PDB file of N, CA and C in Angstrom:
ATOM      1  N   UNK A   1       0.238  -6.076   9.939  1.00  0.00           N
ATOM      2  CA  UNK A   1       0.296  -5.006   9.534  1.00  0.00           C
ATOM      3  C   UNK A   1      -0.455  -4.954   8.420  1.00  0.00           C
ATOM      4  N   UNK A   2      -1.137  -3.774   8.605  1.00  0.00           N
ATOM      5  CA  UNK A   2      -2.505  -3.092   7.635  1.00  0.00           C
ATOM      6  C   UNK A   2      -2.058  -2.384   6.760  1.00  0.00           C
ATOM      7  N   UNK A   3      -2.370  -3.237   5.524  1.00  0.00           N
ATOM      8  CA  UNK A   3      -1.987  -1.944   4.414  1.00  0.00           C
ATOM      9  C   UNK A   3      -3.311  -1.691   3.270  1.00  0.00           C
ATOM     10  N   UNK A   4      -3.165  -0.870   2.506  1.00  0.00           N
ATOM     11  CA  UNK A   4      -4.221  -0.516   2.032  1.00  0.00           C
ATOM     12  C   UNK A   4      -4.009  -0.878   0.177  1.00  0.00           C
ATOM     13  N   UNK A   5      -5.031  -1.441  -0.216  1.00  0.00           N
ATOM     14  CA  UNK A   5      -4.604  -1.668  -1.619  1.00  0.00           C
ATOM     15  C   UNK A   5      -5.955  -1.868  -2.656  1.00  0.00           C
ATOM     16  N   UNK A   6      -6.300  -1.168  -3.659  1.00  0.00           N
ATOM     17  CA  UNK A   6      -7.265  -1.362  -4.493  1.00  0.00           C
ATOM     18  C   UNK A   6      -7.810  -2.886  -4.664  1.00  0.00           C
ATOM     19  N   UNK A   7      -9.372  -2.879  -4.741  1.00  0.00           N
ATOM     20  CA  UNK A   7      -9.643  -4.583  -4.714  1.00  0.00           C
ATOM     21  C   UNK A   7      -9.364  -5.342  -6.075  1.00  0.00           C
ATOM     22  N   UNK A   8      -9.090  -4.242  -6.925  1.00  0.00           N
ATOM     23  CA  UNK A   8      -8.936  -4.907  -8.048  1.00  0.00           C
ATOM     24  C   UNK A   8      -7.358  -5.755  -8.142  1.00  0.00           C
ATOM     25  N   UNK A   9      -6.864  -5.352  -7.235  1.00  0.00           N
ATOM     26  CA  UNK A   9      -5.180  -6.202  -6.984  1.00  0.00           C
ATOM     27  C   UNK A   9      -5.683  -7.382  -6.380  1.00  0.00           C
ATOM     28  N   UNK A  10      -6.359  -8.376  -6.670  1.00  0.00           N
ATOM     29  CA  UNK A  10      -6.861  -9.547  -5.817  1.00  0.00           C
ATOM     30  C   UNK A  10      -5.655 -10.470  -5.304  1.00  0.00           C
ATOM     31  N   UNK A  11      -4.791 -10.703  -6.656  1.00  0.00           N
ATOM     32  CA  UNK A  11      -4.169 -11.867  -6.562  1.00  0.00           C
ATOM     33  C   UNK A  11      -2.662 -11.354  -5.803  1.00  0.00           C
ATOM     34  N   UNK A  12      -2.433 -10.090  -6.326  1.00  0.00           N
ATOM     35  CA  UNK A  12      -1.608  -9.171  -4.933  1.00  0.00           C
ATOM     36  C   UNK A  12      -1.836  -9.210  -3.472  1.00  0.00           C
ATOM     37  N   UNK A  13      -3.476  -8.997  -3.261  1.00  0.00           N
ATOM     38  CA  UNK A  13      -3.815  -9.005  -2.192  1.00  0.00           C
ATOM     39  C   UNK A  13      -3.658 -10.330  -1.181  1.00  0.00           C
ATOM     40  N   UNK A  14      -4.098 -11.620  -1.932  1.00  0.00           N
ATOM     41  CA  UNK A  14      -4.173 -12.559  -1.482  1.00  0.00           C
ATOM     42  C   UNK A  14      -2.858 -13.172  -1.210  1.00  0.00           C
ATOM     43  N   UNK A  15      -1.676 -12.749  -1.783  1.00  0.00           N
ATOM     44  CA  UNK A  15      -0.262 -13.229  -1.412  1.00  0.00           C
ATOM     45  C   UNK A  15       0.113 -12.404  -0.390  1.00  0.00           C
ATOM     46  N   UNK A  16      -0.162 -11.150   0.292  1.00  0.00           N
ATOM     47  CA  UNK A  16       0.417 -10.637   1.090  1.00  0.00           C
ATOM     48  C   UNK A  16      -0.358 -10.694   2.171  1.00  0.00           C
ATOM     49  N   UNK A  17      -1.858 -11.330   1.939  1.00  0.00           N
ATOM     50  CA  UNK A  17      -2.682 -12.217   3.215  1.00  0.00           C
ATOM     51  C   UNK A  17      -1.709 -13.496   3.848  1.00  0.00           C
ATOM     52  N   UNK A  18      -1.425 -13.755   2.477  1.00  0.00           N
ATOM     53  CA  UNK A  18      -0.593 -15.166   3.242  1.00  0.00           C
ATOM     54  C   UNK A  18       0.454 -14.927   3.691  1.00  0.00           C
ATOM     55  N   UNK A  19       0.609 -13.939   3.773  1.00  0.00           N
ATOM     56  CA  UNK A  19       2.433 -13.295   4.405  1.00  0.00           C
ATOM     57  C   UNK A  19       1.712 -12.551   5.572  1.00  0.00           C
ATOM     58  N   UNK A  20       0.599 -12.636   5.948  1.00  0.00           N
ATOM     59  CA  UNK A  20       0.004 -12.250   7.383  1.00  0.00           C
ATOM     60  C   UNK A  20      -0.049 -10.465   7.270  1.00  0.00           C
ATOM     61  N   UNK A  21      -0.500 -10.157   6.285  1.00  0.00           N
ATOM     62  CA  UNK A  21      -0.614  -8.407   5.891  1.00  0.00           C
ATOM     63  C   UNK A  21      -2.497  -8.249   5.864  1.00  0.00           C
ATOM     64  N   UNK A  22      -2.733  -7.683   6.987  1.00  0.00           N
ATOM     65  CA  UNK A  22      -4.170  -7.142   6.216  1.00  0.00           C
ATOM     66  C   UNK A  22      -4.779  -6.109   5.526  1.00  0.00           C
ATOM     67  N   UNK A  23      -5.508  -6.648   4.810  1.00  0.00           N
ATOM     68  CA  UNK A  23      -5.406  -5.550   3.719  1.00  0.00           C
ATOM     69  C   UNK A  23      -6.792  -5.034   3.759  1.00  0.00           C
ATOM     70  N   UNK A  24      -7.030  -3.840   3.712  1.00  0.00           N
ATOM     71  CA  UNK A  24      -8.170  -2.704   3.441  1.00  0.00           C
ATOM     72  C   UNK A  24      -8.079  -2.020   2.251  1.00  0.00           C
ATOM     73  N   UNK A  25      -9.325  -1.654   2.184  1.00  0.00           N
ATOM     74  CA  UNK A  25      -9.727  -0.965   0.931  1.00  0.00           C
ATOM     75  C   UNK A  25      -8.804   0.576   0.582  1.00  0.00           C
ATOM     76  N   UNK A  26      -8.326   0.635  -0.442  1.00  0.00           N
ATOM     77  CA  UNK A  26      -7.249   1.858  -0.746  1.00  0.00           C
ATOM     78  C   UNK A  26      -7.516   2.917   0.100  1.00  0.00           C
ATOM     79  N   UNK A  27      -9.196   3.334  -0.049  1.00  0.00           N
ATOM     80  CA  UNK A  27      -9.878   4.872  -0.065  1.00  0.00           C
ATOM     81  C   UNK A  27     -10.220   4.328   1.587  1.00  0.00           C
ATOM     82  N   UNK A  28      -9.921   3.357   2.420  1.00  0.00           N
ATOM     83  CA  UNK A  28     -10.369   3.329   3.701  1.00  0.00           C
ATOM     84  C   UNK A  28      -9.906   4.355   4.723  1.00  0.00           C
ATOM     85  N   UNK A  29     -10.603   4.587   5.580  1.00  0.00           N
ATOM     86  CA  UNK A  29     -10.568   5.739   6.448  1.00  0.00           C
ATOM     87  C   UNK A  29      -9.279   5.229   7.919  1.00  0.00           C
ATOM     88  N   UNK A  30      -9.357   3.766   7.388  1.00  0.00           N
ATOM     89  CA  UNK A  30      -8.277   3.053   8.747  1.00  0.00           C
ATOM     90  C   UNK A  30      -7.221   3.589   9.055  1.00  0.00           C
ATOM     91  N   UNK A  31      -6.310   3.571   9.731  1.00  0.00           N
ATOM     92  CA  UNK A  31      -4.887   3.649   9.933  1.00  0.00           C
ATOM     93  C   UNK A  31      -4.363   2.428   9.346  1.00  0.00           C
ATOM     94  N   UNK A  32      -3.310   2.707   8.831  1.00  0.00           N
ATOM     95  CA  UNK A  32      -2.426   1.770   7.608  1.00  0.00           C
ATOM     96  C   UNK A  32      -0.897   1.892   7.909  1.00  0.00           C
ATOM     97  N   UNK A  33      -0.271   1.032   8.140  1.00  0.00           N
ATOM     98  CA  UNK A  33       1.212   0.942   7.933  1.00  0.00           C
ATOM     99  C   UNK A  33       1.653   1.448   6.160  1.00  0.00           C
ATOM    100  N   UNK A  34       0.841   0.706   5.303  1.00  0.00           N
ATOM    101  CA  UNK A  34       1.219   0.927   3.968  1.00  0.00           C
ATOM    102  C   UNK A  34       0.212   1.388   2.937  1.00  0.00           C
ATOM    103  N   UNK A  35       0.450   2.099   1.548  1.00  0.00           N
ATOM    104  CA  UNK A  35      -0.478   2.389   0.794  1.00  0.00           C
ATOM    105  C   UNK A  35      -0.032   2.031  -0.505  1.00  0.00           C
ATOM    106  N   UNK A  36      -0.650   0.683  -1.091  1.00  0.00           N
ATOM    107  CA  UNK A  36      -0.100   0.103  -2.278  1.00  0.00           C
ATOM    108  C   UNK A  36      -1.060   0.659  -3.682  1.00  0.00           C
ATOM    109  N   UNK A  37      -0.217   1.245  -4.706  1.00  0.00           N
ATOM    110  CA  UNK A  37      -0.827   1.451  -6.047  1.00  0.00           C
ATOM    111  C   UNK A  37       0.109   1.479  -7.114  1.00  0.00           C
ATOM    112  N   UNK A  38      -0.682   1.620  -8.067  1.00  0.00           N
ATOM    113  CA  UNK A  38       0.185   1.088  -9.150  1.00  0.00           C
ATOM    114  C   UNK A  38      -0.139   2.365 -10.644  1.00  0.00           C
ATOM    115  N   UNK A  39       1.110   2.668 -10.678  1.00  0.00           N
ATOM    116  CA  UNK A  39       1.594   4.390 -11.362  1.00  0.00           C
ATOM    117  C   UNK A  39       0.807   4.229 -12.591  1.00  0.00           C
ATOM    118  N   UNK A  40       0.878   3.256 -13.296  1.00  0.00           N
ATOM    119  CA  UNK A  40       0.610   3.180 -14.593  1.00  0.00           C
ATOM    120  C   UNK A  40      -1.539   3.067 -14.842  1.00  0.00           C
ATOM    121  N   UNK A  41      -1.853   2.160 -13.575  1.00  0.00           N
ATOM    122  CA  UNK A  41      -3.227   1.660 -14.013  1.00  0.00           C
ATOM    123  C   UNK A  41      -4.247   2.810 -12.773  1.00  0.00           C
ATOM    124  N   UNK A  42      -3.359   3.307 -11.934  1.00  0.00           N
ATOM    125  CA  UNK A  42      -4.060   3.970 -10.920  1.00  0.00           C
ATOM    126  C   UNK A  42      -4.074   5.424 -11.096  1.00  0.00           C
ATOM    127  N   UNK A  43      -4.329   6.105 -12.114  1.00  0.00           N
ATOM    128  CA  UNK A  43      -4.367   7.581 -12.385  1.00  0.00           C
ATOM    129  C   UNK A  43      -5.291   8.254 -11.489  1.00  0.00           C
ATOM    130  N   UNK A  44      -6.404   7.550 -11.015  1.00  0.00           N
ATOM    131  CA  UNK A  44      -6.920   8.614  -9.951  1.00  0.00           C
ATOM    132  C   UNK A  44      -6.711   8.407  -8.773  1.00  0.00           C
ATOM    133  N   UNK A  45      -5.261   7.822  -8.330  1.00  0.00           N
ATOM    134  CA  UNK A  45      -4.774   7.480  -6.921  1.00  0.00           C
ATOM    135  C   UNK A  45      -4.616   9.186  -6.255  1.00  0.00           C
ATOM    136  N   UNK A  46      -3.917   9.981  -6.844  1.00  0.00           N
ATOM    137  CA  UNK A  46      -3.833  10.679  -6.284  1.00  0.00           C
ATOM    138  C   UNK A  46      -4.850  11.817  -5.561  1.00  0.00           C
ATOM    139  N   UNK A  47      -6.208  11.799  -6.302  1.00  0.00           N
ATOM    140  CA  UNK A  47      -7.092  12.416  -6.173  1.00  0.00           C
ATOM    141  C   UNK A  47      -7.677  11.498  -4.714  1.00  0.00           C
ATOM    142  N   UNK A  48      -7.836  10.545  -4.919  1.00  0.00           N
ATOM    143  CA  UNK A  48      -8.602   9.575  -3.600  1.00  0.00           C
ATOM    144  C   UNK A  48      -7.172   9.432  -2.098  1.00  0.00           C
ATOM    145  N   UNK A  49      -6.217   9.685  -2.352  1.00  0.00           N
ATOM    146  CA  UNK A  49      -5.496   9.432  -1.199  1.00  0.00           C
ATOM    147  C   UNK A  49      -4.942  10.088  -0.361  1.00  0.00           C
ATOM    148  N   UNK A  50      -5.305  11.518  -0.398  1.00  0.00           N
ATOM    149  CA  UNK A  50      -5.295  12.338   0.684  1.00  0.00           C
ATOM    150  C   UNK A  50      -6.057  11.620   2.163  1.00  0.00           C
ATOM    151  N   UNK A  51      -7.179  11.276   1.920  1.00  0.00           N
ATOM    152  CA  UNK A  51      -8.006  10.516   2.823  1.00  0.00           C
ATOM    153  C   UNK A  51      -7.573   9.546   3.750  1.00  0.00           C
ATOM    154  N   UNK A  52      -7.131   8.588   2.789  1.00  0.00           N
ATOM    155  CA  UNK A  52      -6.094   7.555   3.785  1.00  0.00           C
ATOM    156  C   UNK A  52      -5.053   7.952   3.951  1.00  0.00           C
ATOM    157  N   UNK A  53      -4.031   8.612   3.548  1.00  0.00           N
ATOM    158  CA  UNK A  53      -2.860   9.375   4.407  1.00  0.00           C
ATOM    159  C   UNK A  53      -3.163   9.755   5.597  1.00  0.00           C
ATOM    160  N   UNK A  54      -4.141  10.538   5.630  1.00  0.00           N
ATOM    161  CA  UNK A  54      -4.110  11.612   6.104  1.00  0.00           C
ATOM    162  C   UNK A  54      -4.642  11.009   7.381  1.00  0.00           C
ATOM    163  N   UNK A  55      -5.768  10.164   7.389  1.00  0.00           N
ATOM    164  CA  UNK A  55      -6.347   9.304   8.241  1.00  0.00           C
ATOM    165  C   UNK A  55      -4.922   8.265   8.440  1.00  0.00           C
ATOM    166  N   UNK A  56      -4.538   8.115   7.972  1.00  0.00           N
ATOM    167  CA  UNK A  56      -3.496   6.574   8.499  1.00  0.00           C
ATOM    168  C   UNK A  56      -1.953   6.893   9.153  1.00  0.00           C
ATOM    169  N   UNK A  57      -1.770   8.463   9.315  1.00  0.00           N
ATOM    170  CA  UNK A  57      -0.550   8.800   9.843  1.00  0.00           C
ATOM    171  C   UNK A  57      -0.424   8.398  11.127  1.00  0.00           C
ATOM    172  N   UNK A  58       0.488   7.986  11.675  1.00  0.00           N
ATOM    173  CA  UNK A  58       1.041   7.380  12.992  1.00  0.00           C
ATOM    174  C   UNK A  58       2.297   7.647  13.259  1.00  0.00           C
ATOM    175  N   UNK A  59       2.852   7.265  14.520  1.00  0.00           N
ATOM    176  CA  UNK A  59       4.271   7.937  14.383  1.00  0.00           C
ATOM    177  C   UNK A  59       5.468   6.942  13.862  1.00  0.00           C
ATOM    178  N   UNK A  60       5.054   6.172  13.382  1.00  0.00           N
ATOM    179  CA  UNK A  60       5.720   5.342  12.175  1.00  0.00           C
ATOM    180  C   UNK A  60       5.673   5.607  10.690  1.00  0.00           C
ATOM    181  N   UNK A  61       4.875   6.925  10.160  1.00  0.00           N
ATOM    182  CA  UNK A  61       4.578   7.426   9.184  1.00  0.00           C
ATOM    183  C   UNK A  61       3.698   6.283   8.465  1.00  0.00           C
ATOM    184  N   UNK A  62       3.455   6.326   7.295  1.00  0.00           N
ATOM    185  CA  UNK A  62       2.928   5.657   6.434  1.00  0.00           C
ATOM    186  C   UNK A  62       3.706   5.444   5.111  1.00  0.00           C
ATOM    187  N   UNK A  63       4.043   4.101   4.309  1.00  0.00           N
ATOM    188  CA  UNK A  63       4.541   3.978   3.197  1.00  0.00           C
ATOM    189  C   UNK A  63       3.688   4.054   2.020  1.00  0.00           C
ATOM    190  N   UNK A  64       4.111   4.667   1.022  1.00  0.00           N
ATOM    191  CA  UNK A  64       3.501   4.817  -0.349  1.00  0.00           C
ATOM    192  C   UNK A  64       4.098   4.268  -1.077  1.00  0.00           C
ATOM    193  N   UNK A  65       3.456   3.013  -1.594  1.00  0.00           N
ATOM    194  CA  UNK A  65       4.381   2.168  -2.690  1.00  0.00           C
ATOM    195  C   UNK A  65       3.922   1.697  -4.127  1.00  0.00           C
ATOM    196  N   UNK A  66       4.740   2.263  -4.771  1.00  0.00           N
ATOM    197  CA  UNK A  66       4.069   1.947  -6.125  1.00  0.00           C
ATOM    198  C   UNK A  66       4.549   0.361  -6.719  1.00  0.00           C
ATOM    199  N   UNK A  67       3.303  -0.299  -6.799  1.00  0.00           N
ATOM    200  CA  UNK A  67       3.298  -1.800  -6.992  1.00  0.00           C
ATOM    201  C   UNK A  67       4.191  -2.203  -8.709  1.00  0.00           C
ATOM    202  N   UNK A  68       4.112  -1.469  -9.534  1.00  0.00           N
ATOM    203  CA  UNK A  68       4.485  -1.270 -10.650  1.00  0.00           C
ATOM    204  C   UNK A  68       5.956  -2.209 -10.489  1.00  0.00           C
ATOM    205  N   UNK A  69       6.226  -3.237 -11.290  1.00  0.00           N
ATOM    206  CA  UNK A  69       6.774  -4.280 -11.167  1.00  0.00           C
ATOM    207  C   UNK A  69       7.365  -4.359 -10.200  1.00  0.00           C
ATOM    208  N   UNK A  70       6.991  -4.580  -9.116  1.00  0.00           N
ATOM    209  CA  UNK A  70       7.543  -5.256  -7.894  1.00  0.00           C
ATOM    210  C   UNK A  70       6.426  -6.620  -7.464  1.00  0.00           C
ATOM    211  N   UNK A  71       7.108  -7.944  -6.891  1.00  0.00           N
ATOM    212  CA  UNK A  71       6.955  -8.624  -6.567  1.00  0.00           C
ATOM    213  C   UNK A  71       6.352  -8.746  -5.183  1.00  0.00           C
ATOM    214  N   UNK A  72       5.058  -9.676  -4.784  1.00  0.00           N
ATOM    215  CA  UNK A  72       4.848  -9.610  -2.988  1.00  0.00           C
ATOM    216  C   UNK A  72       6.028  -9.716  -2.143  1.00  0.00           C
ATOM    217  N   UNK A  73       7.131 -10.329  -2.715  1.00  0.00           N
ATOM    218  CA  UNK A  73       8.525 -10.499  -2.194  1.00  0.00           C
ATOM    219  C   UNK A  73       9.109  -8.884  -1.794  1.00  0.00           C
ATOM    220  N   UNK A  74       9.129  -8.286  -2.183  1.00  0.00           N
ATOM    221  CA  UNK A  74       9.476  -6.913  -3.081  1.00  0.00           C
ATOM    222  C   UNK A  74       9.114  -6.514  -2.264  1.00  0.00           C
ATOM    223  N   UNK A  75       7.629  -6.005  -2.210  1.00  0.00           N
ATOM    224  CA  UNK A  75       6.813  -5.368  -1.282  1.00  0.00           C
ATOM    225  C   UNK A  75       6.863  -5.745   0.210  1.00  0.00           C
ATOM    226  N   UNK A  76       7.325  -7.241   0.659  1.00  0.00           N
ATOM    227  CA  UNK A  76       7.416  -7.273   2.270  1.00  0.00           C
ATOM    228  C   UNK A  76       8.540  -7.084   2.613  1.00  0.00           C
ATOM    229  N   UNK A  77       9.664  -6.931   1.851  1.00  0.00           N
ATOM    230  CA  UNK A  77      10.769  -6.620   2.152  1.00  0.00           C
ATOM    231  C   UNK A  77      10.838  -4.803   2.096  1.00  0.00           C
ATOM    232  N   UNK A  78       9.804  -4.222   1.461  1.00  0.00           N
ATOM    233  CA  UNK A  78      10.037  -2.811   1.915  1.00  0.00           C
ATOM    234  C   UNK A  78       9.382  -2.066   2.693  1.00  0.00           C
ATOM    235  N   UNK A  79       7.981  -2.800   3.158  1.00  0.00           N
ATOM    236  CA  UNK A  79       7.121  -2.696   4.288  1.00  0.00           C
ATOM    237  C   UNK A  79       8.037  -3.224   5.528  1.00  0.00           C
ATOM    238  N   UNK A  80       8.963  -4.413   5.886  1.00  0.00           N
ATOM    239  CA  UNK A  80       9.223  -5.051   6.631  1.00  0.00           C
ATOM    240  C   UNK A  80      10.521  -4.213   7.328  1.00  0.00           C
ATOM    241  N   UNK A  81      11.380  -3.429   6.450  1.00  0.00           N
ATOM    242  CA  UNK A  81      12.433  -2.767   6.577  1.00  0.00           C
ATOM    243  C   UNK A  81      11.912  -1.105   6.599  1.00  0.00           C
ATOM    244  N   UNK A  82      10.641  -0.861   6.033  1.00  0.00           N
ATOM    245  CA  UNK A  82      10.420   0.688   6.180  1.00  0.00           C
ATOM    246  C   UNK A  82      11.244   1.289   5.475  1.00  0.00           C
ATOM    247  N   UNK A  83      11.538   0.817   4.027  1.00  0.00           N
ATOM    248  CA  UNK A  83      12.595   1.480   3.538  1.00  0.00           C
ATOM    249  C   UNK A  83      12.202   1.695   2.051  1.00  0.00           C
ATOM    250  N   UNK A  84      12.124   2.900   1.430  1.00  0.00           N
ATOM    251  CA  UNK A  84      11.702   2.833  -0.181  1.00  0.00           C
ATOM    252  C   UNK A  84      12.205   3.885  -0.433  1.00  0.00           C
ATOM    253  N   UNK A  85      13.137   3.883  -1.759  1.00  0.00           N
ATOM    254  CA  UNK A  85      13.773   5.231  -2.152  1.00  0.00           C
ATOM    255  C   UNK A  85      13.312   6.016  -3.267  1.00  0.00           C
ATOM    256  N   UNK A  86      12.345   5.383  -3.858  1.00  0.00           N
ATOM    257  CA  UNK A  86      11.825   6.244  -4.755  1.00  0.00           C
ATOM    258  C   UNK A  86      10.296   5.934  -5.607  1.00  0.00           C
ATOM    259  N   UNK A  87       9.858   7.440  -5.517  1.00  0.00           N
ATOM    260  CA  UNK A  87       8.247   7.145  -5.836  1.00  0.00           C
ATOM    261  C   UNK A  87       8.278   7.375  -7.353  1.00  0.00           C
ATOM    262  N   UNK A  88       9.343   7.522  -8.291  1.00  0.00           N
ATOM    263  CA  UNK A  88       9.498   7.333  -9.738  1.00  0.00           C
ATOM    264  C   UNK A  88      10.368   6.914 -10.351  1.00  0.00           C
TER     265      UNK A  88
END
């Protein structure tokens, strides 16, 4: 599964790669299954997300996940179940 994530989250990217996720840059134009951001530190997120999401939409949609207070296992569960209840 391909996930977009800012390169400043190297530790998280490494953990997700060990779970067989492919990590691409946050503002990539590649088709992805999920876009990960941190609501506290990524204030510019909403400015750049449009390109990622618009170019990433597929028949399953794209999950936009706030990684704040989430472990790699939490993120894995959200992505595998394709279920995320709130962005706030």
